[in-house]
Amino acid sequence: MQHNVLILDFGSQYTQLIARRVRELHIFCEIFPYNQLPEDLSSFKAVILSGSPFSVRAEDAPHPDLSQIRGKLPLLAVCYGAQYLAHFNGGEVAPSATREYGRANLTYIKDDEDFFEEIALNSQVWMSHSDTIKSLPPQGIRLASTKDVENAAYRLEGEPTYAIQFHPEVYHSIDGKQLLENFLVKIAQVPQNFTPNAFVEDIVVELREKVQNDKVVLGLSGGVDSTVAAVLLHKAIGKNLYCIFVNNGLLRKNEFENVLLQYQGMGLNVKGVDASARFLTALEGISDPETKRKTIGRVFIEVFDDEAQQLTDVKWLAQGTIYPDVIESVSVKGPSATIKSHHNVGGLPDFMKLKIVEPLRMLFKDEVRRVGASLGIDAELLGRHPFPGPGLSIRILGDITPEKVRILQEVDALFIDGLKAHGLYDKVWQAGAILLPVNSVGVMGDERTYEKVVALRAVESTDGMTADWVHLPYDFLMKISNEIINKVRGVNRVVYDISSKPPATIEWE
């Protein structure tokens, strides 16, 4: 992974999509906020500037220091980046007469340019901006236009700097992937060597060098991320890995017992710890979702600290943190504001004597699954839906009680088992149920009831950064609704969530 692409984030909703497209080219890339550039740029072969909700003409517009990049590394500026290079280098950026948003077609492409190789005239691109580049900098050479945007693409003469007004990272830009490949492979000559097998080879070497002969303790959850992390670590350090599966009292129905059985025969050293009472006591009376997450994170670490102290000479805590966790937990003035904190991101408290190791920190979910497949992990396990680290606590809106946990576990089991029985489970990326903090009036056996409402949620996604709700068959929803109301004491109404991310998130809290 020594051949990196640096993506500077100016707060665009599409920044993560840029990373996804680059990774699809088998090229490793990293996202950094525009005002937190890495000190050492020697490992980077190219740089991409993202779009932004800001205008370059605004007083508080992001203003990056590109002195170590311009003319020294191949640079691709997207949307805001393109306007930034024009505005501060002698060009003119002004408000558009009409907001340029949506599909457009290239009406002009300059001949004999590697940047547009294999991209045909009239290729569809996606615009999303309220400013436009009226004139290019003195060294600017126009490369492409659309009907309404004369300077849709340009390059700066004398340096490997390219700029585009449209977004190649979104699916609506039909040749966007080809354009990124032209820039990264043909122009920047970045090797396409980021594959699952290559990642495994690199990370195993890295883990051995980092951990050496130290002992590592890892929290298993039964999910894809922690399982792949465990197998990677086991491949790197063998018997020095100690796995612990903690029951926080907020798992799915029978999950604790099922997960422990799941790991039998995988060669992993796993210990089960039932700390459900400790977690539920700590969560008593807490309704705020951020406080729930932080409380679970704190108790989780305390439990691990207790367990680690029972082992001799353990020096590392391993976690299954993945890249979306990291991205969503980064907050700087301007770019990508924090959506929510993650229980396994952000380091460890001073009292804990363990250092942290995160083998999957730079991978998206689909990449984790591909790595797991290359390691020979069972396909059924790799196909498991993601499950939030804080468990059902963030699917119970309001305070947590043992009775509410019981209700949601029963509802969730009926929903997930139903998806599997009807051949729908593998068509859904993530599914679950949410217990709402309201009661509704119902009638059961000629008697009036006033009981809980649950919402069912099923989404399709690639990496969790964006998601669409799944059009589950009405007959299935009707059947599951009837089963839940008839079989789960305390519920008399079921609704289905048809919100997508964005603007909603996958989880309700």
Protein backbone atom coordinates (compact mmCIF):
# COMPACT_ATOMS: atom_id res chain seq x y z
CA MET A 1 0.00 0.00 0.00
CA GLN A 2 2.97 2.30 -0.49
CA HIS A 3 1.39 3.77 -3.66
CA ASN A 4 -1.26 6.02 -2.14
CA VAL A 5 -3.68 8.60 -3.49
CA LEU A 6 -4.43 11.52 -1.17
CA ILE A 7 -8.01 12.86 -1.23
CA LEU A 8 -8.46 16.25 0.42
CA ASP A 9 -11.97 16.69 1.80
CA PHE A 10 -13.62 20.11 1.60
CA GLY A 11 -16.88 18.85 3.10
CA SER A 12 -18.52 17.43 -0.02
CA GLN A 13 -21.23 14.81 0.37
CA TYR A 14 -19.46 12.95 -2.44
CA THR A 15 -15.94 12.74 -0.95
CA GLN A 16 -16.40 9.15 0.21
CA LEU A 17 -17.63 8.24 -3.28
CA ILE A 18 -14.34 9.49 -4.72
CA ALA A 19 -12.54 7.06 -2.43
CA ARG A 20 -14.88 4.23 -3.45
CA ARG A 21 -14.23 4.83 -7.17
CA VAL A 22 -10.47 4.98 -6.65
CA ARG A 23 -10.53 1.74 -4.65
CA GLU A 24 -12.52 0.10 -7.47
CA LEU A 25 -9.50 0.75 -9.67
CA HIS A 26 -7.42 -1.37 -7.23
CA ILE A 27 -5.63 1.77 -6.06
CA PHE A 28 -5.27 2.55 -2.37
CA CYS A 29 -6.36 6.02 -1.24
CA GLU A 30 -6.89 7.96 1.97
CA ILE A 31 -9.15 10.88 2.88
CA PHE A 32 -7.78 13.80 4.90
CA PRO A 33 -9.52 17.07 5.86
CA TYR A 34 -8.15 19.92 3.71
CA ASN A 35 -6.69 21.61 6.80
CA GLN A 36 -5.04 18.48 8.22
CA LEU A 37 -2.63 17.42 5.51
CA PRO A 38 -0.30 14.52 6.40
CA GLU A 39 3.16 15.76 7.35
CA ASP A 40 4.88 13.25 5.08
CA LEU A 41 3.67 13.23 1.47
CA SER A 42 6.42 10.93 0.20
CA SER A 43 4.14 7.88 -0.03
CA PHE A 44 1.54 9.65 -2.17
CA LYS A 45 1.62 9.39 -5.95
CA ALA A 46 -1.34 11.70 -6.71
CA VAL A 47 -3.78 14.09 -5.03
CA ILE A 48 -7.51 14.70 -5.58
CA LEU A 49 -9.35 17.79 -4.29
CA SER A 50 -13.02 17.16 -3.46
CA GLY A 51 -16.06 19.34 -3.98
CA SER A 52 -17.54 21.46 -1.21
CA PRO A 53 -20.79 23.14 -0.11
CA PHE A 54 -18.77 26.40 0.17
CA SER A 55 -18.25 29.05 -2.49
CA VAL A 56 -14.63 29.99 -3.23
CA ARG A 57 -15.80 33.61 -3.08
CA ALA A 58 -16.93 33.33 0.56
CA GLU A 59 -14.76 34.77 3.33
CA ASP A 60 -14.85 31.49 5.26
CA ALA A 61 -14.14 29.30 2.22
CA PRO A 62 -11.69 26.40 2.74
CA HIS A 63 -8.20 27.59 1.81
CA PRO A 64 -5.72 24.69 1.67
CA ASP A 65 -1.95 24.96 1.59
CA LEU A 66 -1.04 23.29 -1.72
CA SER A 67 2.59 24.43 -1.76
CA GLN A 68 3.86 20.89 -1.27
CA ILE A 69 1.49 19.50 -3.93
CA ARG A 70 1.16 21.90 -6.87
CA GLY A 71 3.68 21.05 -9.57
CA LYS A 72 5.19 18.27 -7.44
CA LEU A 73 2.43 15.65 -7.57
CA PRO A 74 -0.26 14.99 -10.19
CA LEU A 75 -3.32 16.88 -9.00
CA LEU A 76 -6.99 16.45 -9.93
CA ALA A 77 -9.34 19.19 -8.71
CA VAL A 78 -13.07 18.34 -8.65
CA CYS A 79 -15.83 20.99 -8.63
CA TYR A 80 -14.88 23.29 -5.69
CA GLY A 81 -11.25 22.28 -6.25
CA ALA A 82 -11.49 23.35 -9.90
CA GLN A 83 -13.05 26.68 -8.92
CA TYR A 84 -10.44 27.16 -6.20
CA LEU A 85 -7.52 26.73 -8.62
CA ALA A 86 -9.13 29.13 -11.08
CA HIS A 87 -10.14 31.78 -8.54
CA PHE A 88 -6.76 32.04 -6.80
CA ASN A 89 -4.61 31.80 -9.92
CA GLY A 90 -5.88 34.65 -12.06
CA GLY A 91 -9.14 33.18 -13.36
CA GLU A 92 -12.68 34.30 -12.59
CA VAL A 93 -15.38 32.45 -10.65
CA ALA A 94 -18.86 33.97 -10.47
CA PRO A 95 -22.38 32.90 -9.50
CA SER A 96 -24.20 30.93 -12.18
CA ALA A 97 -27.24 32.55 -13.75
CA THR A 98 -29.05 29.34 -12.87
CA ARG A 99 -27.85 26.67 -10.45
CA GLU A 100 -26.05 23.96 -12.43
CA TYR A 101 -27.23 20.69 -10.93
CA GLY A 102 -27.90 17.33 -12.55
CA ARG A 103 -27.10 15.62 -15.82
CA ALA A 104 -25.20 17.35 -18.62
CA ASN A 105 -23.38 16.20 -21.75
CA LEU A 106 -19.91 17.03 -23.00
CA THR A 107 -20.29 19.07 -26.19
CA TYR A 108 -16.55 19.70 -26.65
CA ILE A 109 -13.49 17.58 -25.83
CA LYS A 110 -9.98 18.71 -26.77
CA ASP A 111 -8.20 16.29 -29.09
CA ASP A 112 -5.14 14.23 -28.14
CA GLU A 113 -5.49 14.55 -24.38
CA ASP A 114 -4.69 11.49 -22.22
CA PHE A 115 -7.11 12.85 -19.64
CA PHE A 116 -10.10 12.23 -21.95
CA GLU A 117 -8.85 9.09 -23.70
CA GLU A 118 -11.67 6.61 -24.48
CA ILE A 119 -14.30 9.19 -23.47
CA ALA A 120 -16.66 10.09 -26.31
CA LEU A 121 -18.32 13.36 -27.18
CA ASN A 122 -21.77 13.72 -25.58
CA SER A 123 -20.70 11.58 -22.61
CA GLN A 124 -23.05 12.27 -19.69
CA VAL A 125 -21.60 13.98 -16.60
CA TRP A 126 -23.10 15.13 -13.29
CA MET A 127 -23.00 18.80 -12.26
CA SER A 128 -23.61 20.06 -8.73
CA HIS A 129 -22.58 23.70 -8.19
CA SER A 130 -23.98 27.22 -7.88
CA ASP A 131 -20.79 29.03 -9.02
CA THR A 132 -19.16 28.67 -12.42
CA ILE A 133 -15.71 29.34 -13.87
CA LYS A 134 -16.11 32.37 -16.14
CA SER A 135 -12.46 32.50 -17.24
CA LEU A 136 -9.46 30.22 -16.77
CA PRO A 137 -6.14 31.17 -15.17
CA PRO A 138 -3.47 32.46 -17.62
CA GLN A 139 -1.86 29.00 -17.79
CA GLY A 140 -5.22 27.23 -18.10
CA ILE A 141 -6.01 25.15 -21.21
CA ARG A 142 -9.68 24.26 -21.76
CA LEU A 143 -10.22 20.51 -22.18
CA ALA A 144 -14.00 20.10 -22.24
CA SER A 145 -17.31 21.98 -22.28
CA THR A 146 -21.02 21.30 -21.88
CA LYS A 147 -23.91 23.30 -23.35
CA ASP A 148 -24.07 25.56 -20.28
CA VAL A 149 -20.55 25.23 -18.83
CA GLU A 150 -17.79 26.39 -21.14
CA ASN A 151 -14.93 25.51 -18.77
CA ALA A 152 -16.14 22.06 -17.71
CA ALA A 153 -12.53 20.76 -17.63
CA TYR A 154 -9.09 22.30 -17.94
CA ARG A 155 -5.43 21.70 -17.15
CA LEU A 156 -2.65 24.02 -16.08
CA GLU A 157 0.22 24.24 -18.54
CA GLY A 158 3.64 23.32 -17.17
CA GLU A 159 2.40 21.10 -14.33
CA PRO A 160 0.41 17.83 -14.01
CA THR A 161 -2.68 19.63 -12.69
CA TYR A 162 -6.16 18.89 -14.02
CA ALA A 163 -9.51 20.33 -13.01
CA ILE A 164 -13.12 19.40 -13.73
CA GLN A 165 -16.35 21.19 -12.89
CA PHE A 166 -18.40 17.95 -12.80
CA HIS A 167 -18.32 14.94 -10.44
CA PRO A 168 -16.74 11.79 -11.93
CA GLU A 169 -17.34 9.86 -8.71
CA VAL A 170 -21.14 9.66 -9.01
CA TYR A 171 -22.81 6.98 -11.10
CA HIS A 172 -24.54 9.59 -13.25
CA SER A 173 -21.17 10.54 -14.75
CA ILE A 174 -21.17 7.62 -17.18
CA ASP A 175 -17.42 7.69 -17.93
CA GLY A 176 -16.37 8.95 -14.51
CA LYS A 177 -14.46 5.80 -13.63
CA GLN A 178 -12.62 5.95 -16.98
CA LEU A 179 -11.69 9.58 -16.32
CA LEU A 180 -10.28 8.70 -12.89
CA GLU A 181 -8.38 5.80 -14.44
CA ASN A 182 -6.96 8.10 -17.12
CA PHE A 183 -5.72 10.52 -14.48
CA LEU A 184 -4.44 8.01 -11.94
CA VAL A 185 -3.04 5.29 -14.21
CA LYS A 186 -2.11 7.00 -17.49
CA ILE A 187 -1.04 10.39 -16.15
CA ALA A 188 0.00 9.82 -12.52
CA GLN A 189 1.14 6.23 -13.24
CA VAL A 190 -0.16 4.90 -9.93
CA PRO A 191 0.15 1.08 -9.80
CA GLN A 192 -3.12 -0.84 -9.56
CA ASN A 193 -1.94 -3.21 -6.85
CA PHE A 194 -4.57 -2.84 -4.12
CA THR A 195 -6.20 -6.31 -4.13
CA PRO A 196 -7.50 -8.51 -1.28
CA ASN A 197 -4.50 -10.85 -1.51
CA ALA A 198 -2.08 -7.93 -1.62
CA PHE A 199 -3.81 -6.34 1.38
CA VAL A 200 -3.55 -9.58 3.37
CA GLU A 201 0.15 -9.92 2.57
CA ASP A 202 0.88 -6.30 3.47
CA ILE A 203 -1.20 -6.17 6.65
CA VAL A 204 0.16 -9.48 7.99
CA VAL A 205 3.72 -8.15 7.61
CA GLU A 206 2.66 -4.85 9.16
CA LEU A 207 0.96 -6.57 12.11
CA ARG A 208 4.00 -8.77 12.78
CA GLU A 209 6.30 -5.74 12.75
CA LYS A 210 3.94 -3.71 14.94
CA VAL A 211 2.98 -6.36 17.50
CA GLN A 212 6.09 -8.57 17.33
CA ASN A 213 5.87 -11.16 20.14
CA ASP A 214 3.35 -9.23 22.23
CA LYS A 215 -0.04 -10.65 23.18
CA VAL A 216 -3.20 -9.15 21.73
CA VAL A 217 -6.75 -9.26 23.07
CA LEU A 218 -9.60 -8.84 20.57
CA GLY A 219 -13.31 -8.34 21.06
CA LEU A 220 -15.35 -10.63 18.84
CA SER A 221 -18.94 -9.74 18.03
CA GLY A 222 -19.88 -12.51 15.62
CA GLY A 223 -19.99 -9.98 12.79
CA VAL A 224 -17.93 -9.72 9.63
CA ASP A 225 -15.51 -7.02 10.77
CA SER A 226 -14.33 -8.54 14.04
CA THR A 227 -14.17 -12.02 12.49
CA VAL A 228 -11.97 -10.91 9.58
CA ALA A 229 -9.82 -8.88 11.98
CA ALA A 230 -9.40 -11.96 14.18
CA VAL A 231 -8.42 -14.25 11.31
CA LEU A 232 -5.92 -11.67 10.02
CA LEU A 233 -4.35 -11.31 13.44
CA HIS A 234 -4.33 -15.08 13.94
CA LYS A 235 -2.52 -15.42 10.60
CA ALA A 236 0.03 -12.84 11.75
CA ILE A 237 0.64 -13.76 15.40
CA GLY A 238 -1.03 -17.14 15.97
CA LYS A 239 -1.36 -18.21 19.60
CA ASN A 240 -0.59 -14.71 20.88
CA LEU A 241 -4.14 -13.64 19.96
CA TYR A 242 -6.76 -13.92 22.73
CA CYS A 243 -10.36 -13.36 21.64
CA ILE A 244 -13.11 -12.29 24.01
CA PHE A 245 -16.79 -12.17 23.18
CA VAL A 246 -18.68 -9.88 25.54
CA ASN A 247 -22.42 -10.16 26.11
CA ASN A 248 -23.48 -6.55 26.68
CA GLY A 249 -27.11 -7.56 27.17
CA LEU A 250 -28.02 -5.78 23.93
CA LEU A 251 -27.33 -8.55 21.43
CA ARG A 252 -29.85 -10.28 19.22
CA LYS A 253 -31.89 -13.13 20.69
CA ASN A 254 -29.63 -16.09 21.61
CA GLU A 255 -26.68 -14.30 19.98
CA PHE A 256 -24.26 -14.92 22.85
CA GLU A 257 -24.59 -18.70 22.70
CA ASN A 258 -24.75 -18.84 18.89
CA VAL A 259 -21.63 -16.73 18.39
CA LEU A 260 -19.55 -18.85 20.74
CA LEU A 261 -20.61 -21.95 18.79
CA GLN A 262 -19.83 -20.20 15.51
CA TYR A 263 -16.15 -19.86 16.30
CA GLN A 264 -15.62 -23.46 17.31
CA GLY A 265 -13.37 -25.12 14.78
CA MET A 266 -11.91 -21.86 13.42
CA GLY A 267 -8.74 -22.27 15.45
CA LEU A 268 -9.36 -19.09 17.45
CA ASN A 269 -8.89 -18.89 21.21
CA VAL A 270 -12.26 -17.44 22.32
CA LYS A 271 -13.60 -16.71 25.82
CA GLY A 272 -17.21 -15.70 26.45
CA VAL A 273 -17.91 -13.05 29.11
CA ASP A 274 -21.48 -12.32 30.21
CA ALA A 275 -21.42 -8.67 31.33
CA SER A 276 -25.05 -7.91 30.45
CA ALA A 277 -26.00 -6.81 33.97
CA ARG A 278 -23.04 -4.43 34.11
CA PHE A 279 -24.00 -2.74 30.82
CA LEU A 280 -27.71 -2.48 31.57
CA THR A 281 -27.00 -1.01 35.01
CA ALA A 282 -24.68 1.61 33.48
CA LEU A 283 -27.33 2.52 30.87
CA GLU A 284 -30.19 2.87 33.35
CA GLY A 285 -32.05 6.16 32.87
CA ILE A 286 -29.98 7.26 29.85
CA SER A 287 -31.97 8.38 26.79
CA ASP A 288 -29.54 10.51 24.79
CA PRO A 289 -28.10 8.42 21.92
CA GLU A 290 -24.61 9.91 22.11
CA THR A 291 -24.50 9.27 25.85
CA LYS A 292 -25.62 5.69 25.23
CA ARG A 293 -22.77 5.15 22.75
CA LYS A 294 -20.19 6.69 25.04
CA THR A 295 -21.46 4.72 28.04
CA ILE A 296 -21.31 1.44 26.13
CA GLY A 297 -17.84 2.34 24.87
CA ARG A 298 -16.68 3.10 28.41
CA VAL A 299 -18.08 -0.10 29.93
CA PHE A 300 -16.83 -2.13 26.97
CA ILE A 301 -13.31 -0.88 27.63
CA GLU A 302 -13.65 -1.45 31.38
CA VAL A 303 -14.72 -5.07 30.79
CA PHE A 304 -11.81 -5.57 28.44
CA ASP A 305 -9.43 -4.04 30.93
CA ASP A 306 -10.68 -6.45 33.60
CA GLU A 307 -10.34 -9.45 31.28
CA ALA A 308 -6.95 -8.38 29.92
CA GLN A 309 -5.56 -8.10 33.43
CA GLN A 310 -6.41 -11.77 33.95
CA LEU A 311 -4.08 -12.57 31.07
CA THR A 312 -0.35 -12.11 31.49
CA ASP A 313 1.63 -9.65 29.39
CA VAL A 314 -1.20 -8.58 27.06
CA LYS A 315 -0.16 -5.27 25.51
CA TRP A 316 -2.60 -4.68 22.62
CA LEU A 317 -6.35 -4.32 22.18
CA ALA A 318 -7.49 -5.17 18.64
CA GLN A 319 -10.72 -3.77 17.18
CA GLY A 320 -12.69 -4.28 13.97
CA THR A 321 -12.90 -0.58 13.14
CA ILE A 322 -13.49 0.04 9.42
CA TYR A 323 -13.08 3.14 7.25
CA PRO A 324 -16.67 4.48 7.39
CA ASP A 325 -16.38 4.44 11.22
CA VAL A 326 -13.25 6.57 10.93
CA ILE A 327 -14.69 8.95 8.32
CA GLU A 328 -17.94 9.53 10.24
CA SER A 329 -16.02 10.18 13.46
CA VAL A 330 -13.79 12.89 11.97
CA SER A 331 -14.89 16.44 12.64
CA VAL A 332 -13.07 19.59 11.58
CA LYS A 333 -14.30 23.09 10.92
CA GLY A 334 -15.76 22.88 7.42
CA PRO A 335 -15.41 19.30 6.13
CA SER A 336 -17.62 16.33 6.95
CA ALA A 337 -19.14 17.10 10.33
CA THR A 338 -19.47 14.28 12.81
CA ILE A 339 -22.66 12.29 12.18
CA LYS A 340 -22.27 10.17 15.29
CA SER A 341 -19.50 8.87 17.48
CA HIS A 342 -18.48 5.23 17.15
CA HIS A 343 -17.89 3.04 20.19
CA ASN A 344 -14.65 1.66 18.74
CA VAL A 345 -13.09 4.84 17.34
CA GLY A 346 -11.06 7.47 19.10
CA GLY A 347 -8.41 5.74 21.15
CA LEU A 348 -8.30 4.45 24.68
CA PRO A 349 -8.55 6.17 28.09
CA ASP A 350 -5.40 6.83 30.08
CA PHE A 351 -6.20 4.20 32.73
CA MET A 352 -6.13 1.40 30.20
CA LYS A 353 -2.70 -0.07 29.73
CA LEU A 354 -3.31 -1.54 26.27
CA LYS A 355 -2.23 -0.09 22.95
CA ILE A 356 -4.67 -0.27 20.04
CA VAL A 357 -4.41 -2.18 16.75
CA GLU A 358 -7.02 -1.97 13.99
CA PRO A 359 -6.23 -4.22 11.00
CA LEU A 360 -9.30 -3.11 8.99
CA ARG A 361 -9.17 0.61 9.73
CA MET A 362 -8.67 1.58 6.08
CA LEU A 363 -11.21 -0.79 4.46
CA PHE A 364 -14.82 -0.27 3.39
CA LYS A 365 -17.32 -3.02 4.28
CA ASP A 366 -17.35 -4.63 0.83
CA GLU A 367 -13.55 -4.71 0.88
CA VAL A 368 -13.62 -6.43 4.29
CA ARG A 369 -15.83 -9.14 2.82
CA ARG A 370 -13.50 -9.64 -0.15
CA VAL A 371 -10.52 -9.90 2.20
CA GLY A 372 -12.46 -12.40 4.31
CA ALA A 373 -13.19 -14.50 1.23
CA SER A 374 -9.50 -14.50 0.30
CA LEU A 375 -8.79 -15.81 3.82
CA GLY A 376 -11.20 -18.71 3.31
CA ILE A 377 -13.81 -17.56 5.84
CA ASP A 378 -17.23 -19.22 5.42
CA ALA A 379 -19.46 -17.38 2.92
CA GLU A 380 -22.50 -17.52 5.24
CA LEU A 381 -20.57 -15.75 7.99
CA LEU A 382 -19.26 -13.13 5.54
CA GLY A 383 -22.80 -12.55 4.33
CA ARG A 384 -24.11 -11.59 7.76
CA HIS A 385 -25.76 -8.20 7.95
CA PRO A 386 -23.85 -5.45 9.77
CA PHE A 387 -24.92 -4.99 13.39
CA PRO A 388 -24.18 -1.80 15.35
CA GLY A 389 -21.47 -1.99 18.02
CA PRO A 390 -23.78 -0.48 20.67
CA GLY A 391 -26.24 -3.24 19.80
CA LEU A 392 -29.95 -2.81 20.40
CA SER A 393 -29.36 0.22 22.65
CA ILE A 394 -29.52 2.55 19.63
CA ARG A 395 -32.57 0.72 18.29
CA ILE A 396 -34.45 1.38 21.52
CA LEU A 397 -35.36 5.06 21.36
CA GLY A 398 -35.30 6.49 24.84
CA ASP A 399 -34.09 4.80 28.00
CA ILE A 400 -33.07 1.15 28.18
CA THR A 401 -34.85 -1.41 30.36
CA PRO A 402 -34.64 -5.23 30.42
CA GLU A 403 -38.29 -5.40 29.31
CA LYS A 404 -37.65 -3.18 26.28
CA VAL A 405 -34.64 -5.32 25.35
CA ARG A 406 -36.80 -8.45 25.58
CA ILE A 407 -39.46 -6.95 23.32
CA LEU A 408 -36.97 -5.81 20.69
CA GLN A 409 -35.06 -9.10 20.72
CA GLU A 410 -38.30 -10.99 20.04
CA VAL A 411 -39.34 -8.61 17.25
CA ASP A 412 -35.88 -8.61 15.66
CA ALA A 413 -35.72 -12.43 15.67
CA LEU A 414 -39.08 -12.75 13.91
CA PHE A 415 -38.04 -10.18 11.29
CA ILE A 416 -34.58 -11.61 10.55
CA ASP A 417 -35.80 -15.23 10.59
CA GLY A 418 -38.63 -14.21 8.27
CA LEU A 419 -36.23 -12.62 5.79
CA LYS A 420 -34.19 -15.82 5.74
CA ALA A 421 -37.23 -18.08 5.39
CA HIS A 422 -38.55 -16.07 2.43
CA GLY A 423 -35.19 -15.87 0.61
CA LEU A 424 -34.89 -12.13 1.21
CA TYR A 425 -31.99 -11.98 3.67
CA ASP A 426 -29.20 -11.95 1.07
CA LYS A 427 -31.04 -9.30 -0.96
CA VAL A 428 -30.82 -6.89 1.96
CA TRP A 429 -27.61 -5.20 3.15
CA GLN A 430 -28.84 -4.53 6.68
CA ALA A 431 -32.10 -5.09 8.50
CA GLY A 432 -33.40 -4.64 12.00
CA ALA A 433 -36.22 -3.38 14.17
CA ILE A 434 -36.54 -0.18 16.19
CA LEU A 435 -38.59 0.17 19.38
CA LEU A 436 -40.27 3.57 19.38
CA PRO A 437 -40.80 5.64 22.56
CA VAL A 438 -44.56 5.82 22.00
CA ASN A 439 -47.58 3.67 22.77
CA SER A 440 -50.54 3.32 20.47
CA VAL A 441 -54.13 2.27 20.97
CA GLY A 442 -55.09 -1.17 19.68
CA VAL A 443 -57.77 -3.80 20.03
CA MET A 444 -57.03 -7.44 20.89
CA GLY A 445 -59.81 -9.92 21.70
CA ASP A 446 -62.41 -7.15 22.08
CA GLU A 447 -60.18 -5.43 24.63
CA ARG A 448 -58.48 -2.07 24.27
CA THR A 449 -54.67 -2.15 24.37
CA TYR A 450 -52.14 0.64 24.76
CA GLU A 451 -48.80 -0.88 23.78
CA LYS A 452 -45.51 -0.31 21.98
CA VAL A 453 -44.88 0.55 18.32
CA VAL A 454 -41.98 -1.01 16.41
CA ALA A 455 -40.50 0.11 13.09
CA LEU A 456 -38.90 -2.36 10.69
CA ARG A 457 -35.89 -1.19 8.68
CA ALA A 458 -34.25 -2.85 5.65
CA VAL A 459 -31.73 -1.10 3.39
CA GLU A 460 -29.54 -1.90 0.42
CA SER A 461 -26.04 -0.44 0.26
CA THR A 462 -22.47 -1.15 -0.78
CA ASP A 463 -20.47 0.29 2.09
CA GLY A 464 -22.93 1.99 4.46
CA MET A 465 -22.00 5.50 3.34
CA THR A 466 -25.24 5.75 1.35
CA ALA A 467 -28.28 3.46 1.49
CA ASP A 468 -31.72 3.02 -0.07
CA TRP A 469 -34.71 1.43 1.63
CA VAL A 470 -35.66 -1.99 0.26
CA HIS A 471 -39.02 -2.57 -1.42
CA LEU A 472 -39.94 -5.67 0.58
CA PRO A 473 -43.05 -7.48 -0.75
CA TYR A 474 -46.29 -6.31 0.85
CA ASP A 475 -47.33 -9.91 1.51
CA PHE A 476 -44.12 -10.48 3.46
CA LEU A 477 -44.53 -7.28 5.49
CA MET A 478 -48.14 -8.20 6.25
CA LYS A 479 -47.13 -11.67 7.45
CA ILE A 480 -44.28 -10.40 9.64
CA SER A 481 -46.45 -7.64 11.09
CA ASN A 482 -49.12 -10.16 12.07
CA GLU A 483 -46.53 -12.51 13.61
CA ILE A 484 -44.96 -9.71 15.66
CA ILE A 485 -48.27 -8.42 16.99
CA ASN A 486 -49.56 -11.93 17.77
CA LYS A 487 -46.36 -13.35 19.28
CA VAL A 488 -44.58 -10.45 21.02
CA ARG A 489 -46.24 -9.37 24.24
CA GLY A 490 -46.22 -5.58 24.51
CA VAL A 491 -46.44 -4.64 20.80
CA ASN A 492 -49.65 -3.75 18.97
CA ARG A 493 -48.45 -1.78 15.95
CA VAL A 494 -45.75 -2.29 13.25
CA VAL A 495 -44.56 0.32 10.72
CA TYR A 496 -41.98 0.13 7.92
CA ASP A 497 -39.23 2.76 7.45
CA ILE A 498 -38.98 4.03 3.85
CA SER A 499 -36.22 6.62 4.39
CA SER A 500 -32.90 6.55 2.52
CA LYS A 501 -29.41 7.69 3.59
CA PRO A 502 -28.98 10.60 3.09
CA PRO A 503 -30.96 12.44 4.37
CA ALA A 504 -31.70 9.83 7.06
CA THR A 505 -29.09 7.49 8.56
CA ILE A 506 -29.36 3.69 8.58
CA GLU A 507 -29.79 3.55 12.36
CA TRP A 508 -32.31 5.80 14.09
CA GLU A 509 -29.82 6.88 16.75
